[in-house]
N, C-alpha and C. Protein backbone atom coordinates (compact mmCIF):
# COMPACT_ATOMS: atom_id res chain seq x y z
N UNK A 1 -0.74 -11.44 6.25
CA UNK A 1 -0.73 -9.99 6.00
C UNK A 1 0.51 -9.59 5.21
N UNK A 2 1.68 -10.13 5.58
CA UNK A 2 2.90 -9.75 4.88
C UNK A 2 2.86 -10.14 3.42
N UNK A 3 2.33 -11.34 3.11
CA UNK A 3 2.24 -11.75 1.73
C UNK A 3 1.32 -10.84 0.95
N UNK A 4 0.21 -10.37 1.60
CA UNK A 4 -0.72 -9.48 0.93
C UNK A 4 -0.07 -8.15 0.59
N UNK A 5 0.90 -7.74 1.40
CA UNK A 5 1.58 -6.47 1.16
C UNK A 5 2.78 -6.63 0.22
N UNK A 6 3.08 -7.86 -0.20
CA UNK A 6 4.21 -8.12 -1.10
C UNK A 6 5.52 -7.59 -0.51
N UNK A 7 5.75 -7.92 0.74
CA UNK A 7 6.97 -7.48 1.40
C UNK A 7 8.11 -8.45 1.11
N UNK A 8 9.33 -7.92 1.10
CA UNK A 8 10.50 -8.79 1.02
C UNK A 8 10.50 -9.72 2.23
N UNK A 9 11.06 -10.92 2.10
CA UNK A 9 11.01 -11.88 3.22
C UNK A 9 11.81 -11.42 4.42
N UNK A 10 11.52 -12.03 5.55
CA UNK A 10 12.31 -11.80 6.75
C UNK A 10 13.71 -12.38 6.56
N UNK A 11 14.69 -11.93 7.32
CA UNK A 11 16.04 -12.49 7.20
C UNK A 11 16.04 -13.97 7.56
N UNK A 12 16.96 -14.70 6.96
CA UNK A 12 17.02 -16.16 7.14
C UNK A 12 18.07 -16.51 8.18
N UNK A 13 17.71 -16.37 9.44
CA UNK A 13 18.60 -16.79 10.53
C UNK A 13 17.76 -17.15 11.76
N UNK A 14 18.37 -17.85 12.68
CA UNK A 14 17.66 -18.37 13.84
C UNK A 14 17.18 -17.33 14.82
N UNK A 15 17.74 -16.12 14.77
CA UNK A 15 17.34 -15.09 15.74
C UNK A 15 15.93 -14.59 15.52
N UNK A 16 15.39 -14.81 14.32
CA UNK A 16 14.05 -14.33 14.00
C UNK A 16 13.01 -14.85 15.00
N UNK A 17 13.23 -16.05 15.51
CA UNK A 17 12.28 -16.63 16.45
C UNK A 17 12.49 -16.23 17.90
N UNK A 18 13.52 -15.46 18.19
CA UNK A 18 13.80 -15.11 19.57
C UNK A 18 12.99 -13.89 20.00
N UNK A 19 12.47 -13.90 21.22
CA UNK A 19 11.64 -12.78 21.69
C UNK A 19 12.35 -11.44 21.65
N UNK A 20 13.65 -11.41 21.98
CA UNK A 20 14.35 -10.12 22.00
C UNK A 20 14.49 -9.54 20.60
N UNK A 21 14.71 -10.40 19.58
CA UNK A 21 14.79 -9.93 18.20
C UNK A 21 13.42 -9.44 17.75
N UNK A 22 12.37 -10.21 18.05
CA UNK A 22 11.02 -9.84 17.65
C UNK A 22 10.59 -8.52 18.28
N UNK A 23 11.00 -8.27 19.52
CA UNK A 23 10.64 -7.02 20.20
C UNK A 23 11.25 -5.82 19.48
N UNK A 24 12.54 -5.93 19.11
CA UNK A 24 13.18 -4.84 18.37
C UNK A 24 12.58 -4.68 16.98
N UNK A 25 12.30 -5.80 16.33
CA UNK A 25 11.71 -5.76 14.99
C UNK A 25 10.37 -5.05 15.00
N UNK A 26 9.54 -5.32 15.98
CA UNK A 26 8.24 -4.67 16.08
C UNK A 26 8.40 -3.17 16.31
N UNK A 27 9.38 -2.77 17.12
CA UNK A 27 9.62 -1.36 17.37
C UNK A 27 9.96 -0.61 16.08
N UNK A 28 10.73 -1.24 15.21
CA UNK A 28 11.24 -0.55 14.04
C UNK A 28 10.55 -0.94 12.74
N UNK A 29 9.37 -1.53 12.83
CA UNK A 29 8.61 -1.85 11.63
C UNK A 29 8.27 -0.61 10.79
N UNK A 30 8.01 0.57 11.38
CA UNK A 30 7.80 1.75 10.53
C UNK A 30 9.00 2.10 9.67
N UNK A 31 10.19 1.65 10.07
CA UNK A 31 11.39 1.86 9.27
C UNK A 31 11.54 0.75 8.23
N UNK A 32 11.38 -0.48 8.64
CA UNK A 32 11.66 -1.61 7.75
C UNK A 32 10.54 -1.89 6.75
N UNK A 33 9.29 -1.65 7.10
CA UNK A 33 8.19 -2.03 6.21
C UNK A 33 8.24 -1.32 4.87
N UNK A 34 8.43 0.01 4.79
CA UNK A 34 8.55 0.64 3.46
C UNK A 34 9.74 0.11 2.66
N UNK A 35 10.85 -0.19 3.33
CA UNK A 35 12.01 -0.75 2.63
C UNK A 35 11.70 -2.13 2.09
N UNK A 36 11.03 -2.94 2.89
CA UNK A 36 10.64 -4.28 2.44
C UNK A 36 9.60 -4.21 1.32
N UNK A 37 8.71 -3.22 1.38
CA UNK A 37 7.72 -3.06 0.31
C UNK A 37 8.39 -2.70 -1.01
N UNK A 38 9.57 -2.08 -0.94
CA UNK A 38 10.34 -1.77 -2.14
C UNK A 38 11.23 -2.93 -2.59
N UNK A 39 11.20 -4.03 -1.83
CA UNK A 39 11.95 -5.22 -2.23
C UNK A 39 13.25 -5.46 -1.51
N UNK A 40 13.54 -4.68 -0.46
CA UNK A 40 14.81 -4.83 0.25
C UNK A 40 14.64 -5.74 1.47
N UNK A 41 15.47 -6.75 1.56
CA UNK A 41 15.50 -7.61 2.74
C UNK A 41 16.18 -6.84 3.87
N UNK A 42 15.52 -6.74 5.00
CA UNK A 42 16.04 -5.99 6.14
C UNK A 42 16.31 -6.92 7.32
N UNK A 43 17.17 -6.47 8.19
CA UNK A 43 17.47 -7.20 9.41
C UNK A 43 17.78 -6.17 10.49
N UNK A 44 17.61 -6.56 11.74
CA UNK A 44 18.00 -5.72 12.85
C UNK A 44 18.92 -6.54 13.73
N UNK A 45 20.10 -6.00 14.00
CA UNK A 45 21.12 -6.75 14.71
C UNK A 45 21.63 -5.96 15.91
N UNK A 46 21.95 -6.71 16.93
CA UNK A 46 22.58 -6.14 18.12
C UNK A 46 23.89 -6.86 18.35
N UNK A 47 24.98 -6.13 18.21
CA UNK A 47 26.31 -6.71 18.39
C UNK A 47 27.10 -5.84 19.35
N UNK A 48 27.50 -6.41 20.47
CA UNK A 48 28.24 -5.64 21.46
C UNK A 48 27.43 -4.50 22.04
N UNK A 49 26.10 -4.68 22.09
CA UNK A 49 25.23 -3.65 22.63
C UNK A 49 24.88 -2.55 21.64
N UNK A 50 25.33 -2.66 20.38
CA UNK A 50 25.06 -1.66 19.35
C UNK A 50 24.00 -2.20 18.39
N UNK A 51 22.81 -1.62 18.43
CA UNK A 51 21.71 -2.06 17.58
C UNK A 51 21.64 -1.24 16.31
N UNK A 52 21.60 -1.91 15.15
CA UNK A 52 21.48 -1.22 13.86
C UNK A 52 20.53 -2.02 12.97
N UNK A 53 20.02 -1.35 11.94
CA UNK A 53 19.19 -1.99 10.92
C UNK A 53 20.02 -2.12 9.65
N UNK A 54 19.95 -3.29 9.01
CA UNK A 54 20.60 -3.52 7.73
C UNK A 54 19.53 -3.70 6.65
N UNK A 55 19.79 -3.14 5.47
CA UNK A 55 18.92 -3.35 4.32
C UNK A 55 19.81 -3.69 3.13
N UNK A 56 19.62 -4.88 2.57
CA UNK A 56 20.47 -5.36 1.47
C UNK A 56 20.09 -4.70 0.15
N UNK A 57 21.08 -4.20 -0.59
CA UNK A 57 20.87 -3.58 -1.89
C UNK A 57 21.23 -4.56 -3.01
N UNK A 58 20.72 -4.32 -4.23
CA UNK A 58 20.90 -5.31 -5.31
C UNK A 58 22.33 -5.46 -5.80
N UNK A 59 23.24 -4.54 -5.44
CA UNK A 59 24.62 -4.63 -5.93
C UNK A 59 25.54 -5.33 -4.94
N UNK A 60 24.97 -5.93 -3.88
CA UNK A 60 25.80 -6.60 -2.89
C UNK A 60 26.19 -5.72 -1.73
N UNK A 61 25.90 -4.42 -1.82
CA UNK A 61 26.14 -3.53 -0.69
C UNK A 61 24.91 -3.55 0.21
N UNK A 62 24.97 -2.80 1.27
CA UNK A 62 23.82 -2.73 2.18
C UNK A 62 23.78 -1.36 2.85
N UNK A 63 22.61 -1.00 3.34
CA UNK A 63 22.45 0.21 4.13
C UNK A 63 22.55 -0.14 5.60
N UNK A 64 23.21 0.74 6.35
CA UNK A 64 23.29 0.60 7.80
C UNK A 64 22.53 1.80 8.38
N UNK A 65 21.47 1.53 9.11
CA UNK A 65 20.61 2.58 9.65
C UNK A 65 20.74 2.58 11.17
N UNK A 66 21.13 3.72 11.72
CA UNK A 66 21.32 3.82 13.17
C UNK A 66 20.91 5.22 13.61
N UNK A 67 21.09 5.50 14.90
CA UNK A 67 20.97 6.85 15.43
C UNK A 67 22.39 7.44 15.39
N UNK A 68 22.73 8.34 16.27
CA UNK A 68 24.08 8.91 16.25
C UNK A 68 25.14 7.82 16.41
N UNK A 69 24.91 6.92 17.34
CA UNK A 69 25.81 5.78 17.52
C UNK A 69 25.12 4.46 17.20
N UNK A 70 24.00 4.21 17.87
CA UNK A 70 23.24 2.99 17.67
C UNK A 70 21.77 3.29 17.94
N UNK A 71 20.92 2.32 17.65
CA UNK A 71 19.49 2.52 17.87
C UNK A 71 19.12 2.20 19.31
N UNK A 72 18.25 3.00 19.91
CA UNK A 72 17.75 2.68 21.25
C UNK A 72 16.75 1.53 21.19
N UNK A 73 16.30 1.08 22.34
CA UNK A 73 15.37 -0.05 22.38
C UNK A 73 13.99 0.31 21.86
N UNK A 74 13.65 1.60 21.90
CA UNK A 74 12.32 2.02 21.49
C UNK A 74 12.42 3.09 20.40
N UNK A 75 11.53 2.99 19.42
CA UNK A 75 11.55 3.90 18.28
C UNK A 75 11.39 5.36 18.71
N UNK A 76 10.54 5.63 19.70
CA UNK A 76 10.30 7.01 20.10
C UNK A 76 11.51 7.66 20.77
N UNK A 77 12.53 6.85 21.09
CA UNK A 77 13.74 7.40 21.70
C UNK A 77 14.78 7.84 20.66
N UNK A 78 14.51 7.55 19.39
CA UNK A 78 15.45 7.95 18.33
C UNK A 78 15.47 9.48 18.23
N UNK A 79 16.65 10.07 18.16
CA UNK A 79 16.78 11.52 18.04
C UNK A 79 17.12 11.95 16.62
N UNK A 80 17.62 11.05 15.81
CA UNK A 80 17.98 11.35 14.43
C UNK A 80 18.41 10.07 13.73
N UNK A 81 18.53 10.12 12.41
CA UNK A 81 18.90 8.94 11.63
C UNK A 81 20.25 9.15 10.97
N UNK A 82 21.07 8.11 11.07
CA UNK A 82 22.38 8.11 10.41
C UNK A 82 22.41 6.89 9.50
N UNK A 83 22.43 7.13 8.18
CA UNK A 83 22.35 6.05 7.19
C UNK A 83 23.61 6.07 6.33
N UNK A 84 24.24 4.90 6.21
CA UNK A 84 25.42 4.74 5.37
C UNK A 84 25.24 3.55 4.44
N UNK A 85 25.90 3.62 3.31
CA UNK A 85 25.96 2.48 2.40
C UNK A 85 27.31 1.83 2.57
N UNK A 86 27.31 0.53 2.83
CA UNK A 86 28.56 -0.18 3.12
C UNK A 86 28.60 -1.52 2.40
N UNK A 87 29.77 -2.15 2.48
CA UNK A 87 29.98 -3.48 1.92
C UNK A 87 30.80 -4.26 2.93
N UNK A 88 30.42 -5.51 3.17
CA UNK A 88 31.12 -6.30 4.19
C UNK A 88 32.58 -6.54 3.84
N UNK A 89 32.91 -6.62 2.54
CA UNK A 89 34.27 -6.97 2.14
C UNK A 89 35.00 -5.87 1.39
N UNK A 90 34.29 -4.81 0.97
CA UNK A 90 34.93 -3.77 0.16
C UNK A 90 34.69 -2.40 0.80
N UNK A 91 35.66 -1.86 1.52
CA UNK A 91 35.47 -0.58 2.22
C UNK A 91 35.32 0.61 1.30
N UNK A 92 35.60 0.47 0.01
CA UNK A 92 35.45 1.61 -0.89
C UNK A 92 33.98 1.99 -1.08
N UNK A 93 33.08 1.11 -0.72
CA UNK A 93 31.66 1.40 -0.84
C UNK A 93 31.11 2.16 0.36
N UNK A 94 31.93 2.37 1.37
CA UNK A 94 31.45 3.02 2.59
C UNK A 94 31.23 4.51 2.33
N UNK A 95 30.00 4.97 2.49
CA UNK A 95 29.72 6.38 2.24
C UNK A 95 28.39 6.79 2.83
N UNK A 96 28.24 8.09 3.14
CA UNK A 96 27.01 8.58 3.76
C UNK A 96 25.84 8.63 2.79
N UNK A 97 24.66 8.38 3.30
CA UNK A 97 23.42 8.49 2.54
C UNK A 97 22.53 9.59 3.13
N UNK A 98 22.43 9.63 4.45
CA UNK A 98 21.55 10.60 5.12
C UNK A 98 21.99 10.73 6.57
N UNK A 99 21.96 11.95 7.09
CA UNK A 99 22.34 12.17 8.48
C UNK A 99 21.50 13.29 9.07
N UNK A 100 20.55 12.92 9.92
CA UNK A 100 19.72 13.92 10.60
C UNK A 100 20.01 13.94 12.10
N UNK A 101 21.15 13.36 12.49
CA UNK A 101 21.55 13.42 13.89
C UNK A 101 22.13 14.81 14.18
N UNK A 102 22.42 15.08 15.44
CA UNK A 102 22.94 16.38 15.82
C UNK A 102 24.22 16.69 15.06
N UNK A 103 24.24 17.83 14.37
CA UNK A 103 25.40 18.23 13.58
C UNK A 103 25.38 17.70 12.16
N UNK A 104 24.41 16.83 11.82
CA UNK A 104 24.32 16.27 10.47
C UNK A 104 23.74 17.26 9.48
N UNK A 105 23.90 16.97 8.19
CA UNK A 105 23.43 17.87 7.14
C UNK A 105 21.93 18.11 7.21
N UNK A 106 21.17 17.08 7.61
CA UNK A 106 19.71 17.19 7.69
C UNK A 106 19.22 17.19 9.13
N UNK A 107 20.00 17.79 10.00
CA UNK A 107 19.68 17.78 11.43
C UNK A 107 18.27 18.28 11.71
N UNK A 108 17.78 19.24 10.93
CA UNK A 108 16.47 19.83 11.19
C UNK A 108 15.34 18.80 11.09
N UNK A 109 15.58 17.69 10.41
CA UNK A 109 14.53 16.66 10.25
C UNK A 109 14.51 15.69 11.42
N UNK A 110 15.54 15.68 12.24
CA UNK A 110 15.55 14.86 13.44
C UNK A 110 15.18 13.41 13.18
N UNK A 111 14.20 12.90 13.93
CA UNK A 111 13.82 11.49 13.85
C UNK A 111 12.71 11.23 12.84
N UNK A 112 12.47 12.17 11.93
CA UNK A 112 11.41 11.99 10.94
C UNK A 112 11.73 10.82 10.00
N UNK A 113 10.87 9.84 9.97
CA UNK A 113 11.12 8.62 9.19
C UNK A 113 10.89 8.85 7.71
N UNK A 114 9.86 9.62 7.36
CA UNK A 114 9.53 9.83 5.95
C UNK A 114 10.68 10.50 5.20
N UNK A 115 11.27 11.53 5.80
CA UNK A 115 12.39 12.21 5.16
C UNK A 115 13.58 11.27 4.98
N UNK A 116 13.83 10.44 5.97
CA UNK A 116 14.92 9.48 5.87
C UNK A 116 14.67 8.50 4.73
N UNK A 117 13.45 8.00 4.60
CA UNK A 117 13.13 7.09 3.51
C UNK A 117 13.26 7.78 2.15
N UNK A 118 12.86 9.04 2.08
CA UNK A 118 12.98 9.77 0.82
C UNK A 118 14.44 9.89 0.40
N UNK A 119 15.32 10.17 1.37
CA UNK A 119 16.75 10.27 1.06
C UNK A 119 17.29 8.93 0.57
N UNK A 120 16.87 7.85 1.19
CA UNK A 120 17.30 6.52 0.75
C UNK A 120 16.80 6.26 -0.67
N UNK A 121 15.54 6.62 -0.95
CA UNK A 121 14.98 6.40 -2.29
C UNK A 121 15.77 7.17 -3.34
N UNK A 122 16.11 8.42 -3.06
CA UNK A 122 16.89 9.21 -4.01
C UNK A 122 18.28 8.62 -4.21
N UNK A 123 18.85 8.08 -3.14
CA UNK A 123 20.16 7.44 -3.26
C UNK A 123 20.06 6.20 -4.15
N UNK A 124 19.02 5.41 -3.96
CA UNK A 124 18.85 4.21 -4.78
C UNK A 124 18.70 4.58 -6.25
N UNK A 125 17.97 5.65 -6.53
CA UNK A 125 17.78 6.07 -7.91
C UNK A 125 19.07 6.56 -8.54
N UNK A 126 20.03 6.98 -7.72
CA UNK A 126 21.27 7.55 -8.25
C UNK A 126 22.38 6.53 -8.41
N UNK A 127 22.13 5.25 -8.09
CA UNK A 127 23.17 4.24 -8.26
C UNK A 127 23.68 4.25 -9.70
N UNK A 128 24.99 4.32 -9.88
CA UNK A 128 25.54 4.52 -11.22
C UNK A 128 26.19 3.27 -11.79
N UNK A 129 26.29 2.21 -11.02
CA UNK A 129 26.86 0.97 -11.54
C UNK A 129 25.98 0.47 -12.67
N UNK A 130 26.56 0.17 -13.81
CA UNK A 130 25.79 -0.22 -14.99
C UNK A 130 24.92 -1.44 -14.73
N UNK A 131 25.39 -2.33 -13.87
CA UNK A 131 24.63 -3.55 -13.61
C UNK A 131 23.49 -3.34 -12.62
N UNK A 132 23.52 -2.25 -11.88
CA UNK A 132 22.52 -2.07 -10.82
C UNK A 132 21.70 -0.81 -10.98
N UNK A 133 22.02 0.04 -11.94
CA UNK A 133 21.32 1.31 -12.06
C UNK A 133 19.82 1.11 -12.26
N UNK A 134 19.44 0.20 -13.17
CA UNK A 134 18.03 -0.03 -13.43
C UNK A 134 17.32 -0.56 -12.20
N UNK A 135 17.95 -1.53 -11.52
CA UNK A 135 17.34 -2.09 -10.32
C UNK A 135 17.24 -1.04 -9.23
N UNK A 136 18.29 -0.23 -9.06
CA UNK A 136 18.27 0.82 -8.05
C UNK A 136 17.20 1.85 -8.33
N UNK A 137 17.06 2.25 -9.60
CA UNK A 137 16.04 3.23 -9.96
C UNK A 137 14.65 2.70 -9.66
N UNK A 138 14.42 1.43 -9.98
CA UNK A 138 13.11 0.83 -9.71
C UNK A 138 12.82 0.79 -8.22
N UNK A 139 13.82 0.37 -7.43
CA UNK A 139 13.62 0.33 -5.99
C UNK A 139 13.37 1.73 -5.44
N UNK A 140 14.10 2.71 -5.95
CA UNK A 140 13.91 4.08 -5.50
C UNK A 140 12.52 4.59 -5.79
N UNK A 141 12.00 4.28 -6.98
CA UNK A 141 10.64 4.70 -7.33
C UNK A 141 9.61 4.03 -6.43
N UNK A 142 9.81 2.74 -6.15
CA UNK A 142 8.88 2.03 -5.26
C UNK A 142 8.88 2.63 -3.87
N UNK A 143 10.07 2.96 -3.38
CA UNK A 143 10.16 3.51 -2.03
C UNK A 143 9.56 4.90 -1.97
N UNK A 144 9.80 5.73 -2.98
CA UNK A 144 9.20 7.06 -3.01
C UNK A 144 7.68 6.99 -3.03
N UNK A 145 7.15 6.02 -3.77
CA UNK A 145 5.69 5.86 -3.81
C UNK A 145 5.14 5.47 -2.45
N UNK A 146 5.95 4.80 -1.65
CA UNK A 146 5.51 4.34 -0.34
C UNK A 146 5.52 5.46 0.68
N UNK A 147 6.41 6.44 0.54
CA UNK A 147 6.65 7.41 1.61
C UNK A 147 6.26 8.84 1.23
N UNK A 148 5.27 9.01 0.38
CA UNK A 148 4.84 10.35 0.00
C UNK A 148 4.22 11.10 1.18
N UNK A 149 4.26 12.43 1.08
CA UNK A 149 3.58 13.30 2.02
C UNK A 149 2.50 14.08 1.29
N UNK A 150 1.49 14.52 2.05
CA UNK A 150 0.34 15.18 1.44
C UNK A 150 -0.07 16.39 2.28
N UNK A 151 -0.83 17.29 1.65
CA UNK A 151 -1.32 18.47 2.36
C UNK A 151 -2.62 18.91 1.72
N UNK A 152 -3.31 19.85 2.38
CA UNK A 152 -4.46 20.53 1.78
C UNK A 152 -3.97 21.91 1.36
N UNK A 153 -4.10 22.24 0.10
CA UNK A 153 -3.56 23.49 -0.44
C UNK A 153 -4.63 24.28 -1.17
N UNK A 154 -4.33 25.53 -1.46
CA UNK A 154 -5.22 26.31 -2.31
C UNK A 154 -4.41 27.22 -3.22
N UNK A 155 -4.98 27.52 -4.36
CA UNK A 155 -4.50 28.58 -5.25
C UNK A 155 -5.71 29.40 -5.63
N UNK A 156 -5.50 30.69 -5.84
CA UNK A 156 -6.65 31.52 -6.15
C UNK A 156 -6.27 32.89 -6.66
N UNK A 157 -7.31 33.68 -6.91
CA UNK A 157 -7.16 35.06 -7.37
C UNK A 157 -7.99 35.94 -6.45
N UNK A 158 -7.35 37.00 -5.90
CA UNK A 158 -8.08 37.85 -4.98
C UNK A 158 -8.79 38.98 -5.72
N UNK A 159 -9.42 39.87 -4.97
CA UNK A 159 -10.23 40.93 -5.57
C UNK A 159 -9.39 41.92 -6.38
N UNK A 160 -8.08 41.94 -6.14
CA UNK A 160 -7.18 42.81 -6.90
C UNK A 160 -6.53 42.07 -8.06
N UNK A 161 -7.03 40.88 -8.35
CA UNK A 161 -6.54 40.03 -9.44
C UNK A 161 -5.09 39.60 -9.23
N UNK A 162 -4.71 39.50 -7.98
CA UNK A 162 -3.38 38.98 -7.64
C UNK A 162 -3.51 37.49 -7.29
N UNK A 163 -2.57 36.72 -7.81
CA UNK A 163 -2.62 35.29 -7.53
C UNK A 163 -2.08 34.99 -6.14
N UNK A 164 -2.67 34.01 -5.50
CA UNK A 164 -2.24 33.62 -4.17
C UNK A 164 -2.28 32.09 -4.06
N UNK A 165 -1.50 31.58 -3.16
CA UNK A 165 -1.51 30.14 -2.94
C UNK A 165 -0.66 29.76 -1.74
N UNK A 166 -1.07 28.73 -1.07
CA UNK A 166 -0.30 28.27 0.09
C UNK A 166 -0.87 26.93 0.54
N UNK A 167 -0.15 26.29 1.45
CA UNK A 167 -0.64 25.09 2.11
C UNK A 167 -1.55 25.52 3.26
N UNK A 168 -2.77 25.01 3.28
CA UNK A 168 -3.71 25.33 4.35
C UNK A 168 -3.42 24.50 5.58
N UNK A 169 -3.18 23.22 5.38
CA UNK A 169 -2.94 22.31 6.50
C UNK A 169 -2.01 21.19 6.06
N UNK A 170 -1.15 20.77 6.97
CA UNK A 170 -0.22 19.70 6.67
C UNK A 170 1.22 20.20 6.75
N UNK A 171 2.19 19.41 6.30
CA UNK A 171 1.96 18.15 5.57
C UNK A 171 1.61 16.99 6.49
N UNK A 172 0.98 15.97 5.87
CA UNK A 172 0.60 14.75 6.56
C UNK A 172 1.35 13.57 5.95
N UNK A 173 1.74 12.63 6.79
CA UNK A 173 2.39 11.42 6.29
C UNK A 173 1.39 10.49 5.62
N UNK A 174 0.12 10.61 5.99
CA UNK A 174 -0.92 9.73 5.48
C UNK A 174 -1.83 10.49 4.52
N UNK A 175 -2.10 9.89 3.36
CA UNK A 175 -3.04 10.46 2.40
C UNK A 175 -4.43 10.56 3.01
N UNK A 176 -4.80 9.55 3.79
CA UNK A 176 -6.12 9.55 4.42
C UNK A 176 -6.28 10.73 5.37
N UNK A 177 -5.22 11.08 6.09
CA UNK A 177 -5.27 12.24 6.98
C UNK A 177 -5.52 13.52 6.20
N UNK A 178 -4.86 13.65 5.04
CA UNK A 178 -5.03 14.85 4.22
C UNK A 178 -6.45 14.95 3.68
N UNK A 179 -7.01 13.83 3.24
CA UNK A 179 -8.39 13.84 2.73
C UNK A 179 -9.37 14.19 3.84
N UNK A 180 -9.15 13.67 5.02
CA UNK A 180 -10.01 14.00 6.17
C UNK A 180 -9.93 15.50 6.48
N UNK A 181 -8.72 16.04 6.45
CA UNK A 181 -8.55 17.47 6.71
C UNK A 181 -9.19 18.30 5.61
N UNK A 182 -9.14 17.83 4.36
CA UNK A 182 -9.80 18.51 3.25
C UNK A 182 -11.30 18.66 3.54
N UNK A 183 -11.91 17.59 4.03
CA UNK A 183 -13.33 17.65 4.38
C UNK A 183 -13.62 18.70 5.44
N UNK A 184 -12.74 18.78 6.43
CA UNK A 184 -12.92 19.78 7.49
C UNK A 184 -12.73 21.20 6.95
N UNK A 185 -11.73 21.40 6.09
CA UNK A 185 -11.47 22.72 5.55
C UNK A 185 -12.61 23.19 4.64
N UNK A 186 -13.20 22.29 3.87
CA UNK A 186 -14.34 22.68 3.04
C UNK A 186 -15.55 23.02 3.91
N UNK A 187 -15.70 22.33 5.03
CA UNK A 187 -16.76 22.67 5.98
C UNK A 187 -16.56 24.09 6.51
N UNK A 188 -15.31 24.44 6.84
CA UNK A 188 -15.02 25.78 7.33
C UNK A 188 -15.31 26.84 6.26
N UNK A 189 -15.04 26.52 5.00
CA UNK A 189 -15.34 27.46 3.92
C UNK A 189 -16.84 27.73 3.84
N UNK A 190 -17.63 26.67 3.92
CA UNK A 190 -19.08 26.84 3.90
C UNK A 190 -19.55 27.69 5.08
N UNK A 191 -18.98 27.41 6.25
CA UNK A 191 -19.33 28.19 7.44
C UNK A 191 -18.93 29.65 7.28
N UNK A 192 -17.89 29.91 6.49
CA UNK A 192 -17.40 31.28 6.29
C UNK A 192 -18.07 32.01 5.16
N UNK A 193 -19.09 31.41 4.56
CA UNK A 193 -19.84 32.09 3.51
C UNK A 193 -19.36 31.86 2.10
N UNK A 194 -18.42 30.91 1.91
CA UNK A 194 -17.95 30.58 0.58
C UNK A 194 -18.96 29.67 -0.11
N UNK A 195 -19.08 29.83 -1.44
CA UNK A 195 -19.98 29.00 -2.24
C UNK A 195 -19.17 28.13 -3.18
N UNK A 196 -19.44 26.82 -3.18
CA UNK A 196 -18.72 25.93 -4.09
C UNK A 196 -19.36 26.02 -5.47
N UNK A 197 -18.55 26.34 -6.48
CA UNK A 197 -19.07 26.50 -7.83
C UNK A 197 -18.63 25.38 -8.76
N UNK A 198 -17.67 24.58 -8.33
CA UNK A 198 -17.23 23.45 -9.17
C UNK A 198 -16.54 22.42 -8.28
N UNK A 199 -16.78 21.15 -8.58
CA UNK A 199 -16.13 20.08 -7.83
C UNK A 199 -15.76 18.96 -8.79
N UNK A 200 -14.59 18.36 -8.58
CA UNK A 200 -14.16 17.24 -9.42
C UNK A 200 -13.27 16.32 -8.61
N UNK A 201 -12.89 15.22 -9.24
CA UNK A 201 -12.10 14.23 -8.51
C UNK A 201 -13.00 13.36 -7.67
N UNK A 202 -12.37 12.56 -6.83
CA UNK A 202 -13.12 11.67 -5.96
C UNK A 202 -12.54 11.77 -4.56
N UNK A 203 -12.80 10.76 -3.73
CA UNK A 203 -12.29 10.81 -2.37
C UNK A 203 -10.78 10.65 -2.31
N UNK A 204 -10.14 10.18 -3.39
CA UNK A 204 -8.69 10.05 -3.41
C UNK A 204 -8.01 11.40 -3.66
N UNK A 205 -8.49 12.15 -4.66
CA UNK A 205 -7.87 13.43 -5.02
C UNK A 205 -8.96 14.48 -5.22
N UNK A 206 -9.65 14.88 -4.14
CA UNK A 206 -10.73 15.87 -4.27
C UNK A 206 -10.19 17.26 -4.60
N UNK A 207 -10.99 17.99 -5.37
CA UNK A 207 -10.66 19.37 -5.75
C UNK A 207 -11.97 20.13 -5.92
N UNK A 208 -12.03 21.36 -5.43
CA UNK A 208 -13.24 22.17 -5.57
C UNK A 208 -12.87 23.64 -5.73
N UNK A 209 -13.68 24.35 -6.53
CA UNK A 209 -13.53 25.79 -6.72
C UNK A 209 -14.57 26.50 -5.86
N UNK A 210 -14.10 27.48 -5.10
CA UNK A 210 -14.96 28.21 -4.18
C UNK A 210 -14.95 29.70 -4.52
N UNK A 211 -16.12 30.36 -4.29
CA UNK A 211 -16.23 31.78 -4.59
C UNK A 211 -16.91 32.50 -3.43
N UNK A 212 -16.37 33.66 -3.12
CA UNK A 212 -17.02 34.56 -2.18
C UNK A 212 -16.85 35.97 -2.72
N UNK A 213 -17.99 36.58 -3.11
CA UNK A 213 -17.98 37.85 -3.81
C UNK A 213 -17.11 37.71 -5.07
N UNK A 214 -16.05 38.50 -5.22
CA UNK A 214 -15.25 38.43 -6.44
C UNK A 214 -13.91 37.74 -6.23
N UNK A 215 -13.84 36.89 -5.21
CA UNK A 215 -12.61 36.13 -4.92
C UNK A 215 -12.86 34.66 -5.23
N UNK A 216 -11.93 34.06 -5.95
CA UNK A 216 -12.01 32.63 -6.29
C UNK A 216 -10.81 31.90 -5.71
N UNK A 217 -11.03 30.67 -5.27
CA UNK A 217 -9.91 29.84 -4.85
C UNK A 217 -10.21 28.38 -5.14
N UNK A 218 -9.16 27.64 -5.46
CA UNK A 218 -9.25 26.20 -5.70
C UNK A 218 -8.60 25.50 -4.51
N UNK A 219 -9.33 24.62 -3.87
CA UNK A 219 -8.83 23.87 -2.71
C UNK A 219 -8.68 22.40 -3.10
N UNK A 220 -7.58 21.80 -2.75
CA UNK A 220 -7.31 20.44 -3.21
C UNK A 220 -6.30 19.75 -2.30
N UNK A 221 -6.23 18.42 -2.42
CA UNK A 221 -5.20 17.63 -1.75
C UNK A 221 -3.99 17.57 -2.66
N UNK A 222 -2.83 17.92 -2.11
CA UNK A 222 -1.62 18.01 -2.93
C UNK A 222 -0.53 17.11 -2.38
N UNK A 223 0.39 16.71 -3.26
CA UNK A 223 1.60 16.03 -2.83
C UNK A 223 2.62 17.09 -2.38
N UNK A 224 3.40 16.74 -1.39
CA UNK A 224 4.37 17.67 -0.84
C UNK A 224 5.79 17.14 -1.00
N UNK A 225 6.77 18.05 -1.15
CA UNK A 225 8.16 17.59 -1.24
C UNK A 225 8.60 16.88 0.04
N UNK A 226 9.47 15.89 -0.10
CA UNK A 226 9.89 15.08 1.02
C UNK A 226 11.14 15.60 1.68
N UNK A 227 11.98 16.33 0.98
CA UNK A 227 13.24 16.81 1.54
C UNK A 227 13.28 18.34 1.53
């Protein structure tokens, strides 16, 4: 399965085969899998009772992903994400990437994984070292493609010829969830007396124009901002 997903390899050390390492790795696969899909080798380490995730970057630095202090044993116990970029030998690389823990800049996002990945992707795209900028930008684009959010939205014109638009439902972390919700919302439109006058796209990006009396609206699956 991992080869089919083109994931970066597992870390090369003996702990990979230990049950305690595997248990933590399975808990945090929703964090590591998008990073590995973007080409980053990840590891999860427990040192002195402090559990953190490491993700190696192409310039020799790495990301350190934790909660306020360290990661709990279970993913659902995480209250927020604290991500820093560090270097084992050069402290000048130590700097914040994202902080949604209590008191952090993005505290409102709490333990949301998608927002944390989006912040990491934007950081990778902003790497300014001449030797790593291209690689960082590529990794950032790959990661953003992995962690998109979606919603069901509409835009339209009401009977007073005023434009309107909003998100009907979402956002959803899964594109499939948004498409399923689109089907339900179009069912509700039919039940409410709306008539579909135009349809295009497919099951990936459906879009339809609906009319009721002199009101028109376009309903579609949309991409949503991550931050």
